[in-house]
Amino acid sequence: MALWLVRAGKRGEQEEFALNNRVAVIGWDDLPDLSQVQTREELYKRLEETYPEVKRKTLLNWLSQIWPFVREMQQGDLVALPSKRRPVVYLGRVKGPYVYNPNNPEGAKHTRPVEWFKEIPRDKIDRDILYSLGASMTVCRIQRNNAEERIVRIIEGKSSEKIKNKDEGEGYPADLEEYALDLIRQHIARKFKGHRLAYLVEAILQAEGYFTYRSPEGPDGGVDILAGRGPLGFDEPRLAVQVKSGDAPVGGPELNQLRGAMGKLNARVGLFVSWGGFKGAAEKEKAQSFFEIRLWDANDLIQALLANYERLPDDIQAEIPLKRIWILLPGEEEG
């Protein structure tokens, strides 16, 4: 049983479609139906004909991704889809052969039927596996350091401790930005558990110029932080902030609780910070509630942290020691 990384767009554009329709998808929409392609040479010829202006090296890179998706994946193989919307990795099992559907949306015409059965928080996955899952490829097999066996152990609720007798496998270039964010995410999850996450959110709001009040630890009536502009916090916008540090995503009832608290506290806008992300119903409210409540998941919180890092208190910077570096971006290698 193999473990395959299959992304759903560079920015997760087709992630919701893939999960809702129980498929894995790839791009390369200009390619026709590939179900009759029998050899790698034939697929390469299709690529040459479809993308005549693309260099040979890039075409070979694309071939190395499309061929496994069309021909090498087997029923029962595991598929990992690292989410771009939430700090989780979705896991599924291949349920059948390659299918071309020209009526699917852009970026989702080449598909594999997949039964998505589990999501694992990224901070629960060992660093070396995350590094492999950060490969800057649309499709590749993940097998270094017994990744396949260890992912199965995670699914079974067992320890995924690294097994050192196998260190061969993929050598794909990694998305170093994604890997760095994973390390920051794991560090915050360890250092800012429970009510301490509200302390971190408060420090970020203060760095953005808000005057704040943070509720003491314990029952908070739906609000952890009050924040307002001006020297004493009386100016607009005035925020009511709820912070959830658990791994479970929150939904409509929690948002309604915040709305009720906003009315009682005369706060016109709210901020809901959920480390575990949001359920589908809450995600759909993002547009409807755009001028009323903003939703921050772990990724949003980290981006706010990075944007305000130099203005954060010394003790926060000491607990989250970061250094800015510059790296050369890889060239375009995906369809």
Protein backbone atom coordinates (compact mmCIF):
# COMPACT_ATOMS: atom_id res chain seq x y z
CA MET A 1 0.00 0.00 0.00
CA ALA A 2 1.55 3.27 -1.16
CA LEU A 3 1.09 6.78 0.28
CA TRP A 4 0.62 9.53 -2.33
CA LEU A 5 0.70 13.29 -1.93
CA VAL A 6 -1.95 14.85 -4.20
CA ARG A 7 -2.58 18.57 -3.89
CA ALA A 8 -5.75 20.40 -4.95
CA GLY A 9 -4.33 23.55 -6.52
CA LYS A 10 -1.39 25.70 -5.51
CA ARG A 11 -3.62 27.66 -3.12
CA GLY A 12 -6.15 24.91 -2.46
CA GLU A 13 -8.58 26.20 -5.10
CA GLN A 14 -10.11 22.74 -5.66
CA GLU A 15 -9.83 21.46 -2.09
CA GLU A 16 -13.52 21.82 -1.26
CA PHE A 17 -14.54 20.25 -4.58
CA ALA A 18 -12.21 17.28 -4.03
CA LEU A 19 -13.48 16.61 -0.50
CA ASN A 20 -17.17 17.10 -1.31
CA ASN A 21 -17.03 14.97 -4.45
CA ARG A 22 -14.78 12.25 -3.04
CA VAL A 23 -12.03 12.61 -5.59
CA ALA A 24 -8.37 13.51 -5.87
CA VAL A 25 -7.71 16.06 -8.61
CA ILE A 26 -4.84 17.54 -10.59
CA GLY A 27 -4.52 20.43 -13.01
CA TRP A 28 -3.23 20.35 -16.61
CA ASP A 29 -6.73 21.07 -17.93
CA ASP A 30 -5.45 21.48 -21.49
CA LEU A 31 -4.63 17.78 -21.62
CA PRO A 32 -7.44 15.60 -23.05
CA ASP A 33 -8.72 12.35 -21.59
CA LEU A 34 -5.68 10.21 -20.67
CA SER A 35 -7.51 6.97 -19.90
CA GLN A 36 -6.25 5.31 -23.11
CA VAL A 37 -2.61 6.30 -22.64
CA GLN A 38 -0.60 3.10 -22.15
CA THR A 39 3.04 4.22 -21.86
CA ARG A 40 5.09 7.06 -20.45
CA GLU A 41 6.37 7.78 -23.97
CA GLU A 42 2.82 8.23 -25.23
CA LEU A 43 2.00 10.57 -22.35
CA TYR A 44 5.14 12.61 -23.03
CA LYS A 45 4.10 12.98 -26.66
CA ARG A 46 0.67 14.27 -25.52
CA LEU A 47 2.44 16.81 -23.31
CA GLU A 48 4.65 17.96 -26.18
CA GLU A 49 1.65 18.39 -28.45
CA THR A 50 -0.42 20.21 -25.84
CA TYR A 51 2.33 22.48 -24.51
CA PRO A 52 4.67 23.11 -27.47
CA GLU A 53 6.24 26.20 -25.89
CA VAL A 54 7.20 24.46 -22.63
CA LYS A 55 10.79 23.32 -22.11
CA ARG A 56 11.67 19.61 -22.09
CA LYS A 57 12.85 19.69 -18.46
CA THR A 58 9.49 21.02 -17.31
CA LEU A 59 7.60 18.50 -19.45
CA LEU A 60 9.59 15.67 -17.87
CA ASN A 61 8.75 17.04 -14.44
CA TRP A 62 5.06 17.11 -15.33
CA LEU A 63 5.33 13.58 -16.75
CA SER A 64 6.75 12.34 -13.43
CA GLN A 65 3.61 13.61 -11.68
CA ILE A 66 0.82 12.90 -14.15
CA TRP A 67 1.89 9.32 -14.99
CA PRO A 68 1.63 8.02 -11.40
CA PHE A 69 -1.77 9.68 -11.01
CA VAL A 70 -3.10 8.08 -14.20
CA ARG A 71 -1.41 4.66 -14.10
CA GLU A 72 0.56 3.84 -10.95
CA MET A 73 -1.92 4.50 -8.14
CA GLN A 74 -3.69 1.35 -7.01
CA GLN A 75 -7.04 0.80 -5.34
CA GLY A 76 -6.49 0.90 -1.57
CA ASP A 77 -3.47 3.21 -1.72
CA LEU A 78 -3.48 6.12 0.74
CA VAL A 79 -3.77 9.72 -0.46
CA ALA A 80 -2.67 12.72 1.61
CA LEU A 81 -4.13 16.16 0.85
CA PRO A 82 -2.47 18.93 2.91
CA SER A 83 -5.15 21.57 3.43
CA LYS A 84 -4.54 25.18 2.44
CA ARG A 85 -7.61 26.30 4.42
CA ARG A 86 -7.03 24.58 7.74
CA PRO A 87 -3.92 23.29 9.56
CA VAL A 88 -4.78 19.66 8.81
CA VAL A 89 -3.87 16.89 6.39
CA TYR A 90 -6.81 14.97 4.89
CA LEU A 91 -6.32 11.25 4.33
CA GLY A 92 -8.20 9.05 1.90
CA ARG A 93 -8.05 5.71 0.08
CA VAL A 94 -8.06 5.29 -3.68
CA LYS A 95 -11.31 3.63 -4.72
CA GLY A 96 -10.82 3.18 -8.45
CA PRO A 97 -9.03 4.06 -11.70
CA TYR A 98 -8.36 7.43 -13.30
CA VAL A 99 -11.46 9.26 -14.62
CA TYR A 100 -11.59 12.27 -16.94
CA ASN A 101 -14.59 14.55 -16.48
CA PRO A 102 -14.62 17.58 -18.82
CA ASN A 103 -17.64 19.04 -16.99
CA ASN A 104 -15.75 19.44 -13.73
CA PRO A 105 -14.51 22.91 -12.74
CA GLU A 106 -11.14 24.27 -13.76
CA GLY A 107 -8.29 22.34 -12.17
CA ALA A 108 -10.42 19.25 -11.46
CA LYS A 109 -11.02 17.51 -14.78
CA HIS A 110 -8.45 14.73 -14.21
CA THR A 111 -9.62 12.76 -11.17
CA ARG A 112 -9.27 9.65 -9.05
CA PRO A 113 -12.18 8.44 -6.86
CA VAL A 114 -11.09 8.66 -3.22
CA GLU A 115 -12.81 7.87 0.06
CA TRP A 116 -11.73 10.67 2.42
CA PHE A 117 -11.93 9.21 5.92
CA LYS A 118 -9.71 11.17 8.30
CA GLU A 119 -8.16 14.55 8.99
CA ILE A 120 -5.02 14.88 11.11
CA PRO A 121 -3.88 18.20 12.65
CA ARG A 122 -0.51 19.16 11.19
CA ASP A 123 0.97 19.64 14.67
CA LYS A 124 0.25 15.94 15.37
CA ILE A 125 2.43 14.77 12.47
CA ASP A 126 6.17 14.24 12.89
CA ARG A 127 8.40 16.90 11.36
CA ASP A 128 10.15 14.63 8.89
CA ILE A 129 6.82 13.43 7.46
CA LEU A 130 5.57 17.01 7.24
CA TYR A 131 8.74 17.89 5.36
CA SER A 132 7.98 15.19 2.81
CA LEU A 133 4.34 16.31 2.58
CA GLY A 134 5.70 19.78 1.84
CA ALA A 135 7.21 18.62 -1.45
CA SER A 136 6.65 21.26 -4.11
CA MET A 137 4.91 18.77 -6.39
CA THR A 138 1.27 18.26 -7.30
CA VAL A 139 1.65 14.47 -7.13
CA CYS A 140 4.39 12.30 -5.65
CA ARG A 141 4.81 9.16 -3.59
CA ILE A 142 5.79 9.69 0.05
CA GLN A 143 7.94 6.87 1.44
CA ARG A 144 11.09 8.26 3.07
CA ASN A 145 11.63 7.15 6.71
CA ASN A 146 8.82 4.57 6.50
CA ALA A 147 6.24 7.34 6.03
CA GLU A 148 3.61 4.91 4.73
CA GLU A 149 3.83 2.62 7.76
CA ARG A 150 3.96 5.54 10.20
CA ILE A 151 0.90 7.24 8.71
CA VAL A 152 -0.99 3.97 9.12
CA ARG A 153 0.09 3.92 12.77
CA ILE A 154 -1.22 7.47 13.22
CA ILE A 155 -4.54 6.39 11.69
CA GLU A 156 -4.65 3.51 14.19
CA GLY A 157 -3.90 5.85 17.08
CA LYS A 158 -0.43 4.42 17.69
CA SER A 159 2.98 6.06 17.99
CA SER A 160 4.55 7.17 14.71
CA GLU A 161 8.09 7.28 16.08
CA LYS A 162 10.66 7.40 13.31
CA ILE A 163 12.02 4.03 12.20
CA LYS A 164 15.65 4.49 11.26
CA ASN A 165 16.21 1.41 9.12
CA LYS A 166 14.78 2.98 5.98
CA ASP A 167 15.83 6.40 4.73
CA GLU A 168 15.50 6.04 0.98
CA GLY A 169 12.69 7.34 -1.19
CA GLU A 170 11.69 10.68 -2.55
CA GLY A 171 14.15 13.52 -2.83
CA TYR A 172 11.72 16.16 -4.06
CA PRO A 173 12.34 19.85 -3.34
CA ALA A 174 10.24 20.97 -0.40
CA ASP A 175 8.07 24.02 0.07
CA LEU A 176 10.30 25.57 2.74
CA GLU A 177 7.79 28.28 3.59
CA GLU A 178 5.13 25.69 4.36
CA TYR A 179 7.60 23.65 6.40
CA ALA A 180 8.67 26.74 8.38
CA LEU A 181 5.03 27.56 9.12
CA ASP A 182 4.53 23.97 10.32
CA LEU A 183 7.38 24.38 12.81
CA ILE A 184 5.92 27.67 14.06
CA ARG A 185 2.48 26.07 14.34
CA GLN A 186 3.81 23.13 16.38
CA HIS A 187 5.77 25.48 18.64
CA ILE A 188 2.73 27.68 19.37
CA ALA A 189 0.58 24.60 20.01
CA ARG A 190 3.07 23.52 22.70
CA LYS A 191 3.77 26.90 24.26
CA PHE A 192 0.33 28.52 24.19
CA LYS A 193 -2.14 25.90 25.31
CA GLY A 194 -5.51 26.79 26.81
CA HIS A 195 -5.96 30.37 28.02
CA ARG A 196 -2.40 31.27 27.03
CA LEU A 197 -3.52 31.39 23.40
CA ALA A 198 -5.82 34.28 24.38
CA TYR A 199 -2.75 36.00 25.84
CA LEU A 200 -0.99 35.67 22.49
CA VAL A 201 -4.02 37.00 20.58
CA GLU A 202 -4.22 39.95 22.98
CA ALA A 203 -0.55 40.77 22.40
CA ILE A 204 -1.13 40.77 18.62
CA LEU A 205 -4.14 43.09 18.96
CA GLN A 206 -2.13 45.44 21.17
CA ALA A 207 0.62 45.47 18.55
CA GLU A 208 -2.02 46.50 16.01
CA GLY A 209 -2.94 49.49 18.18
CA TYR A 210 -5.85 48.21 20.26
CA PHE A 211 -6.45 48.91 23.95
CA THR A 212 -7.52 45.56 25.44
CA TYR A 213 -9.08 43.78 28.39
CA ARG A 214 -8.58 40.02 28.76
CA SER A 215 -10.94 37.95 30.90
CA PRO A 216 -9.34 35.87 33.66
CA GLU A 217 -9.03 32.14 33.07
CA GLY A 218 -12.30 30.29 33.57
CA PRO A 219 -15.88 30.71 32.24
CA ASP A 220 -15.91 33.82 30.06
CA GLY A 221 -19.50 34.11 28.84
CA GLY A 222 -18.46 33.77 25.21
CA VAL A 223 -15.79 36.51 25.19
CA ASP A 224 -12.10 36.25 26.08
CA ILE A 225 -10.91 39.70 25.02
CA LEU A 226 -12.44 43.15 24.59
CA ALA A 227 -10.53 45.54 22.36
CA GLY A 228 -11.06 49.08 21.15
CA ARG A 229 -9.17 51.91 19.53
CA GLY A 230 -8.06 55.09 21.23
CA PRO A 231 -6.07 55.74 24.42
CA LEU A 232 -8.67 53.99 26.62
CA GLY A 233 -10.31 51.73 24.05
CA PHE A 234 -13.53 53.72 23.63
CA ASP A 235 -13.14 54.37 19.90
CA GLU A 236 -14.35 52.22 17.03
CA PRO A 237 -13.90 49.54 15.98
CA ARG A 238 -14.69 47.86 19.27
CA LEU A 239 -14.10 44.12 19.22
CA ALA A 240 -15.43 41.20 21.21
CA VAL A 241 -12.98 38.33 20.79
CA GLN A 242 -13.46 34.64 21.47
CA VAL A 243 -10.45 32.29 21.44
CA LYS A 244 -10.61 28.49 21.19
CA SER A 245 -7.30 26.65 21.55
CA GLY A 246 -8.50 23.09 20.96
CA ASP A 247 -7.94 20.98 17.84
CA ALA A 248 -11.65 20.55 17.08
CA PRO A 249 -13.19 22.94 14.53
CA VAL A 250 -16.02 25.16 15.75
CA GLY A 251 -19.37 25.79 14.08
CA GLY A 252 -22.51 27.88 14.06
CA PRO A 253 -23.48 27.56 17.77
CA GLU A 254 -20.16 29.01 18.92
CA LEU A 255 -20.47 31.90 16.46
CA ASN A 256 -24.02 32.59 17.67
CA GLN A 257 -22.73 32.67 21.25
CA LEU A 258 -20.23 35.34 20.23
CA ARG A 259 -22.96 37.31 18.47
CA GLY A 260 -25.06 37.26 21.63
CA ALA A 261 -22.12 38.47 23.71
CA MET A 262 -21.41 41.25 21.19
CA GLY A 263 -24.94 42.58 21.66
CA LYS A 264 -24.68 42.57 25.44
CA LEU A 265 -21.28 44.28 25.41
CA ASN A 266 -22.15 46.89 22.76
CA ALA A 267 -19.40 45.60 20.46
CA ARG A 268 -20.28 46.16 16.81
CA VAL A 269 -17.75 43.66 15.46
CA GLY A 270 -16.31 40.36 16.63
CA LEU A 271 -13.25 38.22 16.09
CA PHE A 272 -13.40 34.44 16.54
CA VAL A 273 -10.00 32.73 16.80
CA SER A 274 -10.20 28.93 16.50
CA TRP A 275 -6.90 27.05 16.49
CA GLY A 276 -8.69 23.98 15.12
CA GLY A 277 -10.40 25.90 12.32
CA PHE A 278 -14.08 26.03 11.46
CA LYS A 279 -16.73 23.58 10.31
CA GLY A 280 -18.29 23.86 6.88
CA ALA A 281 -21.31 25.90 8.03
CA ALA A 282 -19.08 28.44 9.76
CA GLU A 283 -16.79 28.64 6.71
CA LYS A 284 -19.80 29.52 4.55
CA GLU A 285 -20.63 32.42 6.87
CA LYS A 286 -17.33 34.17 6.12
CA ALA A 287 -18.83 36.23 3.31
CA GLN A 288 -22.21 36.78 4.98
CA SER A 289 -20.63 37.95 8.24
CA PHE A 290 -17.66 39.79 6.68
CA PHE A 291 -18.59 43.16 8.25
CA GLU A 292 -19.70 41.61 11.55
CA ILE A 293 -17.37 38.78 12.56
CA ARG A 294 -13.93 37.82 11.29
CA LEU A 295 -12.74 34.21 11.57
CA TRP A 296 -9.10 33.37 12.27
CA ASP A 297 -7.83 29.81 12.13
CA ALA A 298 -4.27 28.80 13.04
CA ASN A 299 -2.94 30.01 9.68
CA ASP A 300 -4.58 33.42 10.04
CA LEU A 301 -3.24 33.77 13.58
CA ILE A 302 0.29 32.93 12.46
CA GLN A 303 0.09 35.45 9.61
CA ALA A 304 -1.04 38.14 12.08
CA LEU A 305 1.83 37.13 14.38
CA LEU A 306 4.38 37.45 11.58
CA ALA A 307 2.97 40.80 10.43
CA ASN A 308 3.29 42.24 13.95
CA TYR A 309 6.26 40.28 15.28
CA GLU A 310 8.67 43.19 15.69
CA ARG A 311 6.06 45.09 17.74
CA LEU A 312 5.28 42.22 20.10
CA PRO A 313 6.49 42.31 23.74
CA ASP A 314 9.94 40.96 24.49
CA ASP A 315 8.56 38.00 26.45
CA ILE A 316 6.46 36.87 23.47
CA GLN A 317 9.45 37.18 21.13
CA ALA A 318 11.53 35.20 23.62
CA GLU A 319 8.93 32.40 23.65
CA ILE A 320 8.59 32.44 19.86
CA PRO A 321 12.12 33.20 18.61
CA LEU A 322 11.95 33.89 14.87
CA LYS A 323 14.47 35.02 12.29
CA ARG A 324 13.69 36.45 8.86
CA ILE A 325 15.58 34.84 5.98
CA TRP A 326 15.57 35.11 2.17
CA ILE A 327 15.35 32.10 -0.15
CA LEU A 328 15.28 31.74 -3.92
CA LEU A 329 11.86 30.69 -5.21
CA PRO A 330 11.70 27.61 -7.44
CA GLY A 331 10.57 27.98 -11.02
CA GLU A 332 7.13 27.06 -12.33
CA GLU A 333 6.96 23.26 -12.38
CA GLU A 334 3.25 22.50 -11.88
CA GLY A 335 0.23 22.56 -14.15
